Amino acid sequence: MDFDQLETFLEVARLSSFSRAAEKRFRTQPA
């Protein structure tokens, strides 16, 4: 796990929403 993945994980935990975290981190949700 790299630092960017860790940051994304923390955003998901903070926002309680993968979609909002993905938008904030400019990532797409995996299928």
N, C-alpha and C. Protein backbone atom coordinates (compact mmCIF):
# COMPACT_ATOMS: atom_id res chain seq x y z
N MET A 1 0.86 -1.19 0.00
CA MET A 1 0.00 0.00 0.00
C MET A 1 0.89 1.24 0.00
N ASP A 2 0.66 2.11 -0.96
CA ASP A 2 1.46 3.33 -0.99
C ASP A 2 0.74 4.47 -0.26
N PHE A 3 1.41 5.59 -0.17
CA PHE A 3 0.88 6.71 0.60
C PHE A 3 -0.43 7.24 0.02
N ASP A 4 -0.54 7.26 -1.31
CA ASP A 4 -1.77 7.75 -1.95
C ASP A 4 -2.96 6.86 -1.61
N GLN A 5 -2.75 5.55 -1.59
CA GLN A 5 -3.82 4.63 -1.21
C GLN A 5 -4.22 4.84 0.24
N LEU A 6 -3.26 5.08 1.10
CA LEU A 6 -3.54 5.34 2.51
C LEU A 6 -4.36 6.61 2.68
N GLU A 7 -3.98 7.66 1.96
CA GLU A 7 -4.74 8.92 2.00
C GLU A 7 -6.18 8.69 1.56
N THR A 8 -6.37 7.91 0.50
CA THR A 8 -7.72 7.62 0.01
C THR A 8 -8.50 6.85 1.06
N PHE A 9 -7.88 5.87 1.68
CA PHE A 9 -8.54 5.09 2.74
C PHE A 9 -8.98 6.00 3.88
N LEU A 10 -8.13 6.92 4.28
CA LEU A 10 -8.47 7.84 5.36
C LEU A 10 -9.63 8.75 4.98
N GLU A 11 -9.69 9.18 3.72
CA GLU A 11 -10.82 9.99 3.25
C GLU A 11 -12.11 9.20 3.30
N VAL A 12 -12.07 7.93 2.89
CA VAL A 12 -13.26 7.08 2.94
C VAL A 12 -13.74 6.97 4.38
N ALA A 13 -12.82 6.73 5.30
CA ALA A 13 -13.19 6.61 6.71
C ALA A 13 -13.75 7.93 7.24
N ARG A 14 -13.14 9.03 6.86
CA ARG A 14 -13.57 10.34 7.35
C ARG A 14 -14.95 10.72 6.81
N LEU A 15 -15.19 10.46 5.53
CA LEU A 15 -16.44 10.87 4.89
C LEU A 15 -17.53 9.81 4.97
N SER A 16 -17.17 8.59 5.38
CA SER A 16 -18.12 7.46 5.42
C SER A 16 -18.78 7.23 4.07
N SER A 17 -18.07 7.55 3.00
CA SER A 17 -18.62 7.38 1.66
C SER A 17 -17.48 7.21 0.66
N PHE A 18 -17.46 6.05 0.00
CA PHE A 18 -16.41 5.83 -0.98
C PHE A 18 -16.56 6.79 -2.16
N SER A 19 -17.80 7.02 -2.59
CA SER A 19 -18.03 7.89 -3.75
C SER A 19 -17.54 9.31 -3.51
N ARG A 20 -17.88 9.86 -2.36
CA ARG A 20 -17.44 11.23 -2.06
C ARG A 20 -15.93 11.29 -1.90
N ALA A 21 -15.35 10.28 -1.28
CA ALA A 21 -13.90 10.24 -1.12
C ALA A 21 -13.23 10.14 -2.49
N ALA A 22 -13.80 9.32 -3.37
CA ALA A 22 -13.24 9.18 -4.72
C ALA A 22 -13.29 10.50 -5.47
N GLU A 23 -14.41 11.21 -5.35
CA GLU A 23 -14.52 12.53 -5.99
C GLU A 23 -13.46 13.47 -5.44
N LYS A 24 -13.30 13.45 -4.14
CA LYS A 24 -12.35 14.35 -3.48
C LYS A 24 -10.90 14.00 -3.86
N ARG A 25 -10.63 12.70 -4.03
CA ARG A 25 -9.28 12.24 -4.36
C ARG A 25 -9.09 12.06 -5.86
N PHE A 26 -10.12 12.41 -6.68
CA PHE A 26 -10.06 12.30 -8.14
C PHE A 26 -9.78 10.87 -8.59
N ARG A 27 -10.50 9.93 -7.98
CA ARG A 27 -10.37 8.52 -8.34
C ARG A 27 -11.73 7.99 -8.75
N THR A 28 -11.72 6.89 -9.49
CA THR A 28 -12.97 6.24 -9.85
C THR A 28 -13.20 5.07 -8.92
N GLN A 29 -14.45 4.73 -8.73
CA GLN A 29 -14.81 3.62 -7.87
C GLN A 29 -14.57 2.31 -8.63
N PRO A 30 -13.87 1.35 -8.04
CA PRO A 30 -13.61 0.09 -8.74
C PRO A 30 -14.89 -0.71 -8.94
N ALA A 31 -14.91 -1.48 -10.02
CA ALA A 31 -16.09 -2.29 -10.33
C ALA A 31 -16.21 -3.48 -9.39
